Every structure is written in C-alpha cells, then in structure tokens.
Protein backbone atom coordinates (compact mmCIF):
# COMPACT_ATOMS: atom_id res chain seq x y z
CA MET A 1 -12.86 23.14 -1.03
CA TRP A 2 -12.02 20.03 0.59
CA ASP A 3 -14.55 17.01 0.27
CA PRO A 4 -14.02 14.39 3.17
CA GLU A 5 -15.80 11.74 1.21
CA GLU A 6 -13.75 12.19 -1.91
CA TYR A 7 -10.46 12.40 -0.02
CA ARG A 8 -11.40 9.13 2.09
CA ARG A 9 -11.50 7.10 -1.50
CA PHE A 10 -8.36 4.90 -1.74
CA GLY A 11 -8.22 5.10 2.11
CA ASP A 12 -5.72 2.07 2.18
CA GLU A 13 -3.45 3.38 -0.36
CA ARG A 14 -3.32 6.86 1.38
CA SER A 15 -3.00 5.89 4.75
CA ARG A 16 0.08 3.39 4.08
CA ALA A 17 2.56 6.22 3.85
CA PHE A 18 1.16 7.73 7.09
CA PHE A 19 1.91 4.22 8.94
CA ASP A 20 5.32 4.13 7.63
CA LEU A 21 6.13 7.58 8.75
CA VAL A 22 4.77 7.20 12.36
CA ALA A 23 6.55 3.73 12.81
CA ARG A 24 9.95 5.70 13.02
CA VAL A 25 8.62 8.09 15.67
CA ASP A 26 10.25 6.25 18.64
CA ALA A 27 8.42 8.33 21.38
CA ALA A 28 7.65 6.11 24.43
CA ASP A 29 5.07 8.11 26.57
CA PRO A 30 4.23 11.40 24.99
CA ALA A 31 1.96 13.85 26.62
CA VAL A 32 0.70 15.74 23.84
CA VAL A 33 0.65 15.04 20.28
CA ALA A 34 -0.38 16.96 17.16
CA ASP A 35 -1.64 15.88 13.85
CA LEU A 36 -1.25 18.93 11.68
CA GLY A 37 -3.37 18.90 8.45
CA CYS A 38 -5.37 15.96 9.96
CA GLY A 39 -8.02 15.86 7.47
CA PRO A 40 -11.03 13.71 8.40
CA GLY A 41 -9.41 12.56 11.59
CA ASN A 42 -9.47 8.82 10.89
CA LEU A 43 -5.60 8.82 11.18
CA THR A 44 -5.39 11.11 14.05
CA VAL A 45 -7.64 8.41 16.00
CA THR A 46 -4.87 5.79 15.39
CA LEU A 47 -2.41 8.25 17.13
CA ALA A 48 -4.57 8.36 20.24
CA ARG A 49 -4.81 4.54 20.21
CA ARG A 50 -0.90 4.21 19.70
CA TRP A 51 0.06 6.77 22.75
CA PRO A 52 -3.04 5.98 25.44
CA GLY A 53 -1.53 8.48 27.85
CA ALA A 54 -1.50 11.37 25.36
CA ARG A 55 -3.71 14.37 24.59
CA VAL A 56 -4.01 14.33 20.74
CA HIS A 57 -4.86 17.40 18.76
CA GLY A 58 -6.01 17.32 15.21
CA VAL A 59 -5.52 20.77 13.19
CA ASP A 60 -6.77 21.44 9.73
CA SER A 61 -7.76 24.49 7.66
CA SER A 62 -10.53 22.95 6.25
CA ALA A 63 -13.81 23.40 8.24
CA GLU A 64 -15.23 20.49 6.41
CA MET A 65 -12.51 18.23 7.19
CA ILE A 66 -12.54 19.17 10.94
CA SER A 67 -16.51 18.91 10.92
CA ALA A 68 -16.00 15.13 9.54
CA ALA A 69 -13.37 14.39 12.00
CA ARG A 70 -15.68 15.52 14.82
CA ASP A 71 -18.55 13.59 13.46
CA ARG A 72 -16.39 10.48 13.29
CA LEU A 73 -15.33 11.08 17.00
CA ALA A 74 -18.97 11.54 18.17
CA MET A 75 -19.90 8.12 16.30
CA SER A 76 -16.77 6.24 17.96
CA THR A 77 -17.76 7.51 21.55
CA GLY A 78 -21.46 6.93 21.18
CA PRO A 79 -23.23 4.04 22.93
CA GLY A 80 -21.93 0.41 22.04
CA ALA A 81 -18.45 1.92 20.78
CA GLY A 82 -16.52 0.39 23.67
CA PRO A 83 -14.91 1.50 26.89
CA GLU A 84 -11.69 3.31 25.81
CA PRO A 85 -12.84 4.15 22.29
CA GLY A 86 -15.75 5.91 23.99
CA ALA A 87 -14.84 8.14 26.98
CA GLY A 88 -11.23 7.66 26.91
CA LEU A 89 -11.06 8.97 23.39
CA ALA A 90 -13.44 11.58 23.82
CA ARG A 91 -11.27 13.20 26.67
CA ARG A 92 -8.10 12.87 24.82
CA LEU A 93 -8.93 13.90 21.19
CA SER A 94 -9.83 17.33 19.98
CA PHE A 95 -9.88 18.96 16.46
CA THR A 96 -9.73 22.55 15.66
CA VAL A 97 -9.91 24.53 12.41
CA ALA A 98 -6.69 26.57 12.22
CA ASP A 99 -3.91 27.47 9.54
CA VAL A 100 -0.81 25.06 10.29
CA ARG A 101 1.53 27.90 9.41
CA ASP A 102 0.79 29.98 12.56
CA TRP A 103 -0.60 27.29 14.63
CA GLN A 104 0.11 27.88 18.42
CA PRO A 105 -0.26 24.94 20.59
CA ALA A 106 -1.39 25.62 24.38
CA ARG A 107 1.34 23.27 25.62
CA ARG A 108 4.75 22.38 23.73
CA PRO A 109 3.86 19.05 21.98
CA ASP A 110 6.08 15.86 22.60
CA VAL A 111 5.21 14.78 18.81
CA ILE A 112 4.44 16.45 15.69
CA VAL A 113 3.10 14.69 12.71
CA SER A 114 2.18 16.17 9.46
CA ASN A 115 1.18 13.64 6.64
CA ALA A 116 0.67 14.91 2.82
CA VAL A 117 0.10 18.51 3.94
CA LEU A 118 3.41 20.62 3.50
CA GLN A 119 3.07 20.54 -0.34
CA TRP A 120 0.37 22.62 -0.04
CA VAL A 121 2.15 25.22 1.90
CA PRO A 122 4.17 28.05 0.75
CA ASP A 123 7.88 28.58 2.19
CA HIS A 124 7.05 24.90 3.60
CA LEU A 125 10.67 24.61 4.98
CA ASN A 126 10.43 27.61 7.15
CA VAL A 127 7.15 26.32 8.63
CA LEU A 128 8.64 22.95 9.48
CA ARG A 129 11.74 24.84 11.01
CA ARG A 130 8.98 26.80 12.98
CA TRP A 131 7.38 23.40 13.97
CA ILE A 132 10.46 22.27 15.56
CA GLY A 133 10.97 25.14 17.25
CA LEU A 134 7.54 24.22 19.23
CA LEU A 135 8.68 20.85 20.23
CA ALA A 136 9.18 19.90 23.96
CA PRO A 137 12.95 19.04 24.37
CA GLY A 138 13.54 15.80 23.04
CA GLY A 139 10.21 15.72 20.87
CA TRP A 140 9.96 14.33 17.49
CA VAL A 141 8.57 15.71 14.20
CA ALA A 142 7.51 13.50 11.48
CA VAL A 143 6.40 14.68 8.01
CA GLN A 144 5.51 13.11 4.85
CA VAL A 145 5.33 14.80 1.40
CA PRO A 146 4.74 13.69 -2.24
CA GLY A 147 7.76 13.66 -4.60
CA ASN A 148 5.93 12.93 -7.91
CA PHE A 149 5.81 16.50 -9.28
CA ASP A 150 7.41 15.41 -12.44
CA GLN A 151 5.08 12.55 -13.08
CA PRO A 152 2.42 12.66 -15.84
CA SER A 153 -0.37 13.11 -13.56
CA HIS A 154 0.96 16.59 -12.59
CA GLN A 155 2.61 17.44 -15.99
CA ILE A 156 -0.82 16.88 -17.44
CA LEU A 157 -2.75 18.94 -14.70
CA ARG A 158 -0.38 22.09 -15.14
CA GLU A 159 -0.59 21.69 -18.88
CA LEU A 160 -4.39 21.51 -19.13
CA ALA A 161 -4.76 24.33 -16.53
CA GLY A 162 -2.25 26.41 -18.56
CA SER A 163 -3.83 25.94 -21.93
CA PRO A 164 -5.87 28.62 -23.79
CA ARG A 165 -9.04 27.04 -22.94
CA TRP A 166 -8.81 26.99 -19.06
CA HIS A 167 -5.84 29.66 -18.37
CA PRO A 168 -8.28 32.62 -18.15
CA VAL A 169 -10.63 30.64 -15.62
CA LEU A 170 -7.44 29.18 -13.57
CA ALA A 171 -4.76 31.50 -13.98
CA SER A 172 -5.16 32.50 -10.03
CA VAL A 173 -5.44 29.02 -8.73
CA ARG A 174 -2.54 27.68 -6.86
CA LEU A 175 -1.77 23.85 -7.46
CA ASN A 176 0.19 21.53 -5.37
CA ARG A 177 3.52 22.93 -4.92
CA GLN A 178 5.33 19.55 -4.05
CA ALA A 179 8.02 18.78 -2.35
CA ALA A 180 11.81 19.78 -1.77
CA ASP A 181 14.82 17.14 -2.17
CA PRO A 182 15.29 14.69 0.69
CA ALA A 183 18.64 16.19 1.33
CA ASP A 184 17.02 19.60 2.08
CA TYR A 185 14.87 17.96 4.66
CA LEU A 186 17.96 16.31 6.04
CA ASP A 187 20.11 19.47 6.22
CA LEU A 188 17.07 21.42 7.84
CA LEU A 189 16.54 18.82 10.71
CA ALA A 190 20.57 18.85 11.52
CA ASP A 191 20.61 22.49 11.36
CA GLU A 192 17.97 22.85 13.90
CA GLY A 193 19.55 20.52 16.11
CA CYS A 194 17.84 17.43 15.49
CA ALA A 195 18.88 13.52 15.03
CA ALA A 196 17.37 13.05 11.41
CA ASP A 197 16.05 10.19 9.37
CA VAL A 198 15.11 10.98 5.96
CA TRP A 199 14.14 8.55 3.05
CA GLU A 200 11.94 8.26 -0.12
CA THR A 201 9.62 5.52 -1.22
CA THR A 202 7.84 4.95 -4.43
CA TYR A 203 4.78 2.84 -4.02
CA LEU A 204 3.16 1.19 -6.89
CA HIS A 205 -0.61 1.40 -6.09
CA LEU A 206 -2.72 -1.31 -8.07
CA LEU A 207 -5.75 0.71 -8.75
CA HIS A 208 -9.21 -0.65 -10.17
CA GLY A 209 -12.34 0.41 -11.78
CA ASP A 210 -12.98 3.19 -14.61
CA ASP A 211 -10.79 6.24 -14.57
CA PRO A 212 -8.98 5.48 -11.19
CA VAL A 213 -6.15 7.95 -11.35
CA LEU A 214 -8.81 10.62 -12.20
CA ARG A 215 -10.68 9.39 -9.27
CA TRP A 216 -7.45 9.62 -6.88
CA TYR A 217 -6.79 13.15 -7.75
CA ARG A 218 -10.54 14.31 -7.38
CA GLY A 219 -9.68 14.00 -3.77
CA THR A 220 -6.73 15.77 -3.75
CA GLY A 221 -4.62 17.89 -6.26
CA LEU A 222 -7.86 18.55 -8.48
CA ARG A 223 -9.51 20.34 -5.38
CA PRO A 224 -8.27 23.73 -6.13
CA VAL A 225 -9.21 23.64 -9.70
CA LEU A 226 -12.85 22.15 -8.98
CA ALA A 227 -13.26 24.93 -6.67
CA ALA A 228 -12.72 27.51 -9.18
CA LEU A 229 -14.95 25.86 -12.12
CA THR A 230 -18.71 25.79 -12.21
CA ALA A 231 -20.49 22.21 -12.16
CA GLU A 232 -20.37 22.25 -16.13
CA GLN A 233 -16.75 23.55 -16.38
CA ALA A 234 -15.61 20.90 -14.05
CA ALA A 235 -17.34 18.00 -15.98
CA GLU A 236 -15.53 19.15 -19.20
CA PHE A 237 -12.20 19.58 -17.30
CA CYS A 238 -12.38 16.08 -15.83
CA ALA A 239 -13.39 14.54 -19.09
CA GLU A 240 -10.00 16.20 -20.70
CA TYR A 241 -8.19 15.42 -17.92
CA GLY A 242 -9.25 11.66 -17.34
CA LYS A 243 -8.90 10.82 -21.03
CA ARG A 244 -4.99 12.03 -21.00
CA LEU A 245 -4.59 10.31 -17.43
CA ALA A 246 -5.98 7.18 -19.31
CA THR A 247 -3.51 7.14 -21.96
CA ALA A 248 -0.47 8.04 -19.38
CA TYR A 249 -1.67 5.41 -16.88
CA PRO A 250 -3.26 2.50 -18.76
CA SER A 251 -5.04 -0.40 -17.43
CA GLY A 252 -3.20 -3.73 -17.58
CA ARG A 253 -4.03 -7.24 -16.58
CA HIS A 254 -4.27 -6.73 -12.94
CA GLY A 255 -5.58 -3.11 -12.90
CA THR A 256 -3.92 0.31 -13.35
CA VAL A 257 -0.31 0.54 -11.88
CA PHE A 258 -0.10 4.02 -10.40
CA PRO A 259 3.48 4.75 -9.09
CA PHE A 260 3.60 7.30 -6.17
CA ARG A 261 6.93 8.63 -4.71
CA ARG A 262 6.93 10.19 -1.28
CA ILE A 263 9.60 11.74 0.79
CA PHE A 264 9.68 11.08 4.59
CA ALA A 265 11.46 13.19 7.34
CA VAL A 266 11.68 12.42 11.02
CA GLY A 267 13.76 14.46 13.48
CA ARG A 268 14.10 14.30 17.11
CA ARG A 269 14.95 17.51 19.11
CA HIS A 270 17.75 17.27 21.51
CA ALA A 271 16.77 17.04 25.06
C-alpha cells in the first residue's frame, strides 16, 4: 500500500514535526532507541547520529518502506560514504518489518520515538500505554500525531469516499483515524508514572506547484483509498478529490497555504 517515493515528497515539511518532537527528548546516552513506524528510514538515521552510542531499531509494518530503509542504509555505508556513516551506522542501525501494536524488543529501549503513526492504529492510546511499559527505567517515549481531522482535506475525503459513486467500492476501507485530545495524552502519561510534556502546533506549510495538497495526501491519507481502486478508478477519484481540494485550498500570491495541526506528547518514565 505504501509508496516510499510518494511519501518522501514534501520531505522538509513532513520532517519538521519529527525534529520538533525529538528536540524535547533529553536522553543523554541511551543504549537502545526504537523508531516505531520508521517509514523509509531517513529520519531514523538522524537518531543514530544524535546518539552515537545507541543501537537504533527502525520498525514498520510496510515491507516496501523497510526495503527502502535498508536500501538507503546500504547506500550510506558504501564506498566513499565516510567513516561513521559507513561501518558505524551499519553496526548500529537495523530495520524490521513488524506491527507496532505487538512489537516486542529484545532489550528494553531507553527511547521510543513514533512520528505520525498512531493515527493509523486502532485503540492507539492502549498501544501507547503498552510502549511505556516496555521502556527501561528512566526511559523516554515521544509521539506525534496529526490533529487536523476536522479540516477540509479530511472532510472532503470522507464525504467523497461515502458518496454513492464511491461507497460501494470503499465501504470497507479504513481511513486515517487521527488523534485524541492533547489532554488525553497528558493524562495517560501521568497515569503511567511519566513526567509529561504535551503540546500542539499548527504549521502553515507553503506549498508550490499544481495540486499540491492532493500530491501531499497521495503519500499519506490517500494510500488506503488508492490501494482499493484500479488505476482507472484511482485517476477518477483523485481528479474529483483534487478539484475540491483546489477550492478549499486556493493558490495565493506566494503559493498554497496548507495549515496542518499536530499534537506532540513526550514522557519520561520514572527511574
């Protein structure tokens, strides 16, 4: 279902939230770091570089994403890649296909990072609670989820998928579930004995080119829909969805302004 190349579009905009999230993790010298829902692995590599003494494990349920991550790692460790990006990263980085809901680490991690993943996971608050239970004493958990379920991009997608034309084909497709309220994450972290840091941010992304919001969602929220359609149906669906998006997000003098709210939750388990 997932296409690493589509996902890497708007890489700067997508990675901004990851770096804002990880900046609040004050782990000094973790031994084990897990990136749950690591995607194509480009951001997982930054965790290995931030914590050069850590073994870093990227986990994703998509075989396509893990294949792309392993290919990226092989390229970064090849001839001419440099000393640490080569042998050092190869020894410390690994990528595994697994479901983050029941992932079981070989050793308790000191840091768990999950960026824009839990919105796809049923009962995600209990999954987050399970992750906290996996942490080493004093360990950190850091998650970020989109919080824009009420925005036109998602309203239009739900309306279109539920329309008479598309409902017979897409009735069984599970769309992006989105987040809980920030206070729910605060309560969960505190209930599980963590020092909690929870906040939200709305980014105003300035996108360029034709149909930029459609191109954004082709890499994320549209993936389950496109996977359920034939190529001809997908083209028809995207044409209609793109037309409505262009009305909701008109191009302005400097490009297309795309507001995107995200929710962040960071907790440190008491030692």
